[in-house]
N, C-alpha and C. Protein backbone atom coordinates (compact mmCIF):
# COMPACT_ATOMS: atom_id res chain seq x y z
N UNK A 1 0.84 -1.17 0.00
CA UNK A 1 0.00 0.00 0.00
C UNK A 1 0.90 1.24 0.00
N UNK A 2 0.68 2.13 -0.92
CA UNK A 2 1.49 3.34 -1.05
C UNK A 2 0.93 4.43 -0.15
N UNK A 3 1.82 5.05 0.59
CA UNK A 3 1.42 6.15 1.48
C UNK A 3 0.94 7.32 0.64
N UNK A 4 -0.24 7.86 0.94
CA UNK A 4 -0.77 8.97 0.13
C UNK A 4 0.02 10.25 0.35
N UNK A 5 -0.01 11.11 -0.66
CA UNK A 5 0.57 12.44 -0.48
C UNK A 5 -0.46 13.29 0.25
N UNK A 6 -0.04 14.43 0.72
CA UNK A 6 -0.93 15.28 1.50
C UNK A 6 -1.08 16.64 0.86
N UNK A 7 -2.22 17.24 1.10
CA UNK A 7 -2.46 18.60 0.61
C UNK A 7 -2.56 19.58 1.77
N UNK A 8 -2.43 19.06 2.99
CA UNK A 8 -2.51 19.92 4.17
C UNK A 8 -1.26 20.75 4.31
N UNK A 9 -1.40 21.88 4.95
CA UNK A 9 -0.23 22.69 5.24
C UNK A 9 0.24 22.39 6.65
N UNK A 10 1.49 22.74 6.97
CA UNK A 10 2.00 22.42 8.30
C UNK A 10 1.20 23.04 9.45
N UNK A 11 0.60 24.20 9.24
CA UNK A 11 -0.17 24.82 10.32
C UNK A 11 -1.43 24.03 10.65
N UNK A 12 -2.12 23.50 9.64
CA UNK A 12 -3.31 22.69 9.95
C UNK A 12 -2.90 21.36 10.56
N UNK A 13 -1.76 20.80 10.12
CA UNK A 13 -1.26 19.57 10.72
C UNK A 13 -0.86 19.82 12.18
N UNK A 14 -0.25 20.97 12.44
CA UNK A 14 0.15 21.34 13.80
C UNK A 14 -1.09 21.44 14.71
N UNK A 15 -2.13 22.10 14.22
CA UNK A 15 -3.36 22.24 15.00
C UNK A 15 -3.97 20.86 15.29
N UNK A 16 -3.94 19.99 14.31
CA UNK A 16 -4.46 18.63 14.48
C UNK A 16 -3.65 17.88 15.54
N UNK A 17 -2.32 17.98 15.47
CA UNK A 17 -1.45 17.30 16.43
C UNK A 17 -1.71 17.79 17.85
N UNK A 18 -1.89 19.10 18.01
CA UNK A 18 -2.14 19.65 19.33
C UNK A 18 -3.48 19.17 19.88
N UNK A 19 -4.48 19.10 19.02
CA UNK A 19 -5.80 18.61 19.43
C UNK A 19 -5.71 17.12 19.81
N UNK A 20 -4.94 16.36 19.05
CA UNK A 20 -4.76 14.94 19.36
C UNK A 20 -4.07 14.77 20.72
N UNK A 21 -3.07 15.59 20.99
CA UNK A 21 -2.37 15.51 22.28
C UNK A 21 -3.33 15.80 23.43
N UNK A 22 -4.16 16.81 23.25
CA UNK A 22 -5.11 17.14 24.30
C UNK A 22 -6.09 16.00 24.53
N UNK A 23 -6.53 15.37 23.45
CA UNK A 23 -7.45 14.23 23.59
C UNK A 23 -6.77 13.08 24.32
N UNK A 24 -5.51 12.77 24.00
CA UNK A 24 -4.80 11.72 24.72
C UNK A 24 -4.76 12.02 26.21
N UNK A 25 -4.46 13.26 26.54
CA UNK A 25 -4.41 13.66 27.95
C UNK A 25 -5.79 13.53 28.60
N UNK A 26 -6.81 14.01 27.91
CA UNK A 26 -8.18 13.92 28.44
C UNK A 26 -8.59 12.48 28.70
N UNK A 27 -8.05 11.56 27.91
CA UNK A 27 -8.39 10.13 28.04
C UNK A 27 -7.39 9.39 28.94
N UNK A 28 -6.66 10.15 29.75
CA UNK A 28 -5.79 9.61 30.81
C UNK A 28 -4.51 8.97 30.33
N UNK A 29 -4.04 9.31 29.13
CA UNK A 29 -2.69 8.89 28.74
C UNK A 29 -1.70 9.76 29.49
N UNK A 30 -0.51 9.25 29.71
CA UNK A 30 0.51 9.99 30.42
C UNK A 30 1.68 10.30 29.49
N UNK A 31 2.54 11.21 29.93
CA UNK A 31 3.74 11.60 29.19
C UNK A 31 3.41 11.92 27.73
N UNK A 32 2.37 12.70 27.54
CA UNK A 32 1.95 13.09 26.18
C UNK A 32 2.92 14.15 25.66
N UNK A 33 3.33 13.96 24.43
CA UNK A 33 4.32 14.83 23.82
C UNK A 33 4.01 15.01 22.34
N UNK A 34 4.27 16.23 21.83
CA UNK A 34 4.14 16.51 20.39
C UNK A 34 5.52 16.91 19.90
N UNK A 35 6.01 16.20 18.89
CA UNK A 35 7.33 16.47 18.32
C UNK A 35 7.14 17.08 16.93
N UNK A 36 7.76 18.22 16.71
CA UNK A 36 7.70 18.94 15.43
C UNK A 36 8.77 18.37 14.50
N UNK A 37 8.34 17.69 13.45
CA UNK A 37 9.27 17.07 12.51
C UNK A 37 9.24 17.76 11.15
N UNK A 38 8.63 18.95 11.05
CA UNK A 38 8.56 19.68 9.78
C UNK A 38 10.00 19.90 9.27
N UNK A 39 10.26 19.44 8.06
CA UNK A 39 11.58 19.59 7.46
C UNK A 39 12.62 18.61 7.98
N UNK A 40 12.23 17.73 8.91
CA UNK A 40 13.17 16.76 9.49
C UNK A 40 12.84 15.32 9.09
N UNK A 41 11.60 15.05 8.77
CA UNK A 41 11.17 13.70 8.46
C UNK A 41 10.46 13.68 7.11
N UNK A 42 10.70 12.61 6.37
CA UNK A 42 9.98 12.44 5.11
C UNK A 42 8.66 11.69 5.33
N UNK A 43 8.43 11.24 6.55
CA UNK A 43 7.24 10.45 6.85
C UNK A 43 6.08 11.31 7.31
N UNK A 44 6.32 12.24 8.22
CA UNK A 44 5.23 13.06 8.75
C UNK A 44 5.78 14.41 9.22
N UNK A 45 4.88 15.34 9.49
CA UNK A 45 5.28 16.65 10.00
C UNK A 45 5.27 16.71 11.53
N UNK A 46 4.38 15.94 12.16
CA UNK A 46 4.27 15.95 13.61
C UNK A 46 4.04 14.53 14.12
N UNK A 47 4.65 14.24 15.25
CA UNK A 47 4.47 12.96 15.91
C UNK A 47 3.91 13.24 17.30
N UNK A 48 2.86 12.51 17.65
CA UNK A 48 2.25 12.63 18.97
C UNK A 48 2.50 11.31 19.69
N UNK A 49 3.05 11.40 20.91
CA UNK A 49 3.34 10.22 21.71
C UNK A 49 2.54 10.27 23.00
N UNK A 50 2.08 9.14 23.44
CA UNK A 50 1.40 9.04 24.72
C UNK A 50 1.54 7.63 25.26
N UNK A 51 1.53 7.52 26.58
CA UNK A 51 1.63 6.21 27.23
C UNK A 51 0.28 5.85 27.83
N UNK A 52 -0.10 4.61 27.63
CA UNK A 52 -1.35 4.12 28.17
C UNK A 52 -1.14 3.24 29.38
N UNK A 53 -2.22 2.97 30.08
CA UNK A 53 -2.13 2.18 31.31
C UNK A 53 -2.51 0.72 31.11
N UNK A 54 -3.19 0.41 30.00
CA UNK A 54 -3.59 -0.97 29.73
C UNK A 54 -3.90 -1.11 28.24
N UNK A 55 -3.92 -2.35 27.77
CA UNK A 55 -4.26 -2.61 26.36
C UNK A 55 -5.67 -2.10 26.06
N UNK A 56 -6.58 -2.29 26.98
CA UNK A 56 -7.97 -1.86 26.79
C UNK A 56 -8.05 -0.33 26.66
N UNK A 57 -7.37 0.37 27.55
CA UNK A 57 -7.39 1.83 27.49
C UNK A 57 -6.76 2.33 26.19
N UNK A 58 -5.62 1.74 25.81
CA UNK A 58 -4.94 2.16 24.58
C UNK A 58 -5.82 1.92 23.36
N UNK A 59 -6.51 0.79 23.32
CA UNK A 59 -7.41 0.51 22.19
C UNK A 59 -8.52 1.55 22.13
N UNK A 60 -9.09 1.88 23.27
CA UNK A 60 -10.15 2.89 23.33
C UNK A 60 -9.64 4.26 22.88
N UNK A 61 -8.45 4.63 23.33
CA UNK A 61 -7.86 5.91 22.93
C UNK A 61 -7.59 5.92 21.43
N UNK A 62 -7.06 4.82 20.90
CA UNK A 62 -6.81 4.73 19.45
C UNK A 62 -8.09 4.93 18.66
N UNK A 63 -9.17 4.31 19.10
CA UNK A 63 -10.47 4.46 18.42
C UNK A 63 -10.97 5.90 18.53
N UNK A 64 -10.74 6.53 19.68
CA UNK A 64 -11.18 7.92 19.87
C UNK A 64 -10.38 8.87 18.98
N UNK A 65 -9.08 8.62 18.85
CA UNK A 65 -8.25 9.46 17.97
C UNK A 65 -8.70 9.28 16.52
N UNK A 66 -8.97 8.05 16.13
CA UNK A 66 -9.46 7.77 14.78
C UNK A 66 -10.77 8.50 14.52
N UNK A 67 -11.68 8.45 15.48
CA UNK A 67 -12.97 9.13 15.37
C UNK A 67 -12.79 10.64 15.28
N UNK A 68 -11.88 11.20 16.10
CA UNK A 68 -11.61 12.64 16.05
C UNK A 68 -11.15 13.05 14.66
N UNK A 69 -10.25 12.26 14.08
CA UNK A 69 -9.76 12.56 12.73
C UNK A 69 -10.88 12.57 11.71
N UNK A 70 -11.74 11.57 11.78
CA UNK A 70 -12.88 11.52 10.84
C UNK A 70 -13.80 12.71 11.02
N UNK A 71 -14.06 13.09 12.27
CA UNK A 71 -14.93 14.23 12.54
C UNK A 71 -14.31 15.55 12.06
N UNK A 72 -12.99 15.61 12.02
CA UNK A 72 -12.30 16.83 11.58
C UNK A 72 -12.03 16.81 10.07
N UNK A 73 -12.51 15.78 9.38
CA UNK A 73 -12.30 15.70 7.94
C UNK A 73 -10.94 15.15 7.56
N UNK A 74 -10.25 14.53 8.50
CA UNK A 74 -8.94 13.94 8.26
C UNK A 74 -8.92 12.51 8.78
N UNK A 75 -9.63 11.61 8.11
CA UNK A 75 -9.67 10.23 8.60
C UNK A 75 -8.28 9.60 8.57
N UNK A 76 -8.06 8.68 9.48
CA UNK A 76 -6.77 7.98 9.54
C UNK A 76 -6.54 7.23 8.24
N UNK A 77 -5.32 7.30 7.75
CA UNK A 77 -4.94 6.53 6.57
C UNK A 77 -4.76 5.07 6.97
N UNK A 78 -4.21 4.89 8.18
CA UNK A 78 -3.96 3.52 8.63
C UNK A 78 -3.87 3.50 10.16
N UNK A 79 -4.33 2.41 10.74
CA UNK A 79 -4.21 2.19 12.18
C UNK A 79 -3.70 0.77 12.36
N UNK A 80 -2.69 0.61 13.23
CA UNK A 80 -2.10 -0.70 13.42
C UNK A 80 -1.64 -0.85 14.86
N UNK A 81 -1.47 -2.10 15.29
CA UNK A 81 -0.95 -2.36 16.63
C UNK A 81 -0.09 -3.62 16.59
N UNK A 82 0.77 -3.74 17.58
CA UNK A 82 1.55 -4.97 17.68
C UNK A 82 0.67 -6.07 18.26
N UNK A 83 1.17 -7.28 18.26
CA UNK A 83 0.34 -8.42 18.67
C UNK A 83 -0.08 -8.35 20.13
N UNK A 84 0.68 -7.69 20.97
CA UNK A 84 0.34 -7.60 22.38
C UNK A 84 -0.40 -6.33 22.75
N UNK A 85 -0.76 -5.54 21.76
CA UNK A 85 -1.44 -4.25 21.97
C UNK A 85 -0.66 -3.34 22.92
N UNK A 86 0.67 -3.41 22.85
CA UNK A 86 1.50 -2.54 23.68
C UNK A 86 2.01 -1.34 22.89
N UNK A 87 1.66 -1.29 21.59
CA UNK A 87 2.02 -0.15 20.75
C UNK A 87 0.94 -0.04 19.67
N UNK A 88 0.25 1.08 19.65
CA UNK A 88 -0.77 1.35 18.64
C UNK A 88 -0.34 2.59 17.87
N UNK A 89 -0.41 2.52 16.55
CA UNK A 89 -0.06 3.64 15.69
C UNK A 89 -1.29 4.03 14.89
N UNK A 90 -1.63 5.32 14.92
CA UNK A 90 -2.70 5.86 14.10
C UNK A 90 -2.06 6.89 13.19
N UNK A 91 -2.06 6.60 11.89
CA UNK A 91 -1.34 7.40 10.89
C UNK A 91 -2.31 8.28 10.12
N UNK A 92 -2.17 9.58 10.30
CA UNK A 92 -2.97 10.56 9.57
C UNK A 92 -2.16 11.23 8.46
N UNK A 93 -1.06 10.65 8.07
CA UNK A 93 -0.12 11.09 7.06
C UNK A 93 0.72 12.26 7.56
N UNK A 94 0.15 13.43 7.77
CA UNK A 94 0.92 14.57 8.28
C UNK A 94 1.22 14.43 9.76
N UNK A 95 0.36 13.73 10.47
CA UNK A 95 0.49 13.51 11.91
C UNK A 95 0.40 12.01 12.17
N UNK A 96 1.36 11.50 12.94
CA UNK A 96 1.33 10.10 13.34
C UNK A 96 1.25 10.05 14.86
N UNK A 97 0.24 9.34 15.36
CA UNK A 97 0.02 9.21 16.81
C UNK A 97 0.48 7.83 17.24
N UNK A 98 1.35 7.79 18.26
CA UNK A 98 1.86 6.54 18.83
C UNK A 98 1.36 6.42 20.26
N UNK A 99 0.69 5.33 20.55
CA UNK A 99 0.25 5.02 21.91
C UNK A 99 1.07 3.82 22.38
N UNK A 100 1.76 3.98 23.49
CA UNK A 100 2.66 2.95 23.98
C UNK A 100 2.32 2.48 25.38
N UNK A 101 2.60 1.23 25.65
CA UNK A 101 2.75 0.75 27.01
C UNK A 101 4.15 1.25 27.42
N UNK A 102 4.32 1.58 28.69
CA UNK A 102 5.55 2.25 29.14
C UNK A 102 6.84 1.52 28.76
N UNK A 103 6.90 0.21 28.91
CA UNK A 103 8.14 -0.52 28.58
C UNK A 103 8.43 -0.46 27.09
N UNK A 104 7.38 -0.57 26.26
CA UNK A 104 7.58 -0.48 24.81
C UNK A 104 8.08 0.91 24.43
N UNK A 105 7.51 1.92 25.06
CA UNK A 105 7.94 3.29 24.76
C UNK A 105 9.41 3.48 25.09
N UNK A 106 9.83 2.98 26.24
CA UNK A 106 11.24 3.10 26.63
C UNK A 106 12.13 2.31 25.67
N UNK A 107 11.67 1.13 25.25
CA UNK A 107 12.46 0.30 24.35
C UNK A 107 12.68 0.98 23.00
N UNK A 108 11.63 1.52 22.40
CA UNK A 108 11.74 2.14 21.08
C UNK A 108 12.27 3.57 21.15
N UNK A 109 12.09 4.25 22.25
CA UNK A 109 12.67 5.57 22.52
C UNK A 109 12.57 6.53 21.32
N UNK A 110 11.35 6.73 20.83
CA UNK A 110 11.18 7.66 19.70
C UNK A 110 11.57 9.09 20.07
N UNK A 111 11.31 9.48 21.33
CA UNK A 111 11.70 10.83 21.71
C UNK A 111 13.22 10.99 21.71
N UNK A 112 13.95 9.92 22.01
CA UNK A 112 15.42 9.96 21.92
C UNK A 112 15.88 10.00 20.48
N UNK A 113 15.21 9.24 19.63
CA UNK A 113 15.54 9.23 18.20
C UNK A 113 15.41 10.64 17.60
N UNK A 114 14.40 11.37 18.05
CA UNK A 114 14.13 12.72 17.55
C UNK A 114 14.48 13.78 18.60
N UNK A 115 15.54 13.54 19.38
CA UNK A 115 15.89 14.45 20.48
C UNK A 115 16.21 15.86 20.02
N UNK A 116 16.65 16.03 18.78
CA UNK A 116 16.99 17.36 18.26
C UNK A 116 15.77 18.14 17.79
N UNK A 117 14.65 17.46 17.62
CA UNK A 117 13.43 18.12 17.12
C UNK A 117 12.72 18.86 18.25
N UNK A 118 12.13 20.01 17.94
CA UNK A 118 11.41 20.76 18.97
C UNK A 118 10.18 20.02 19.48
N UNK A 119 9.89 20.22 20.74
CA UNK A 119 8.65 19.72 21.36
C UNK A 119 7.68 20.90 21.38
N UNK A 120 6.43 20.63 21.09
CA UNK A 120 5.43 21.70 21.05
C UNK A 120 4.60 21.73 22.32
N UNK A 121 4.29 22.93 22.73
CA UNK A 121 3.38 23.11 23.85
C UNK A 121 1.98 22.72 23.38
N UNK A 122 1.30 21.93 24.17
CA UNK A 122 -0.07 21.55 23.80
C UNK A 122 -1.04 21.86 24.93
N UNK A 123 -0.53 22.35 26.05
CA UNK A 123 -1.37 22.82 27.16
C UNK A 123 -0.99 24.26 27.45
N UNK A 124 -1.89 24.98 28.08
CA UNK A 124 -1.62 26.38 28.40
C UNK A 124 -0.40 26.53 29.30
N UNK A 125 -0.09 25.53 30.11
CA UNK A 125 1.05 25.62 31.03
C UNK A 125 2.37 25.21 30.40
N UNK A 126 2.32 24.65 29.18
CA UNK A 126 3.55 24.22 28.50
C UNK A 126 4.23 25.40 27.83
N UNK A 127 5.48 25.20 27.52
CA UNK A 127 6.23 26.13 26.68
C UNK A 127 6.87 25.29 25.58
N UNK A 128 6.98 25.87 24.38
CA UNK A 128 7.66 25.18 23.30
C UNK A 128 9.14 25.15 23.63
N UNK A 129 9.76 23.98 23.50
CA UNK A 129 11.17 23.85 23.80
C UNK A 129 11.88 23.17 22.65
N UNK A 130 13.13 23.46 22.51
CA UNK A 130 13.93 22.78 21.50
C UNK A 130 14.55 21.56 22.14
N UNK A 131 14.47 20.42 21.39
CA UNK A 131 15.05 19.15 21.75
C UNK A 131 15.33 18.98 23.14
């Protein structure tokens, strides 16, 4: 399956990523983070990471993120999970949302892989920081 091209601009993708981060937080995910990959990745412009507390919770959050995308006119291109439901990926092309069980998140260390990329504030109390 070929990954579709996008017609969205980075600002609309940024807004979508921030809304996705807020939804993850509202649904009790922890360590929610938005990484700005504009000009750094050929795969997506923004990556949203969150940790879940159980396979059931992560599945529910993944479905909610998918529903949010459809309601915003940006349905997920693809949604996938590993066999143990310890990592769920919802791919919106410009924005990719990763839901992890804590050990899986530490093992794959996506935030370390993209340590040089800026983190975006997604709550009023956050500040945008570089890597």
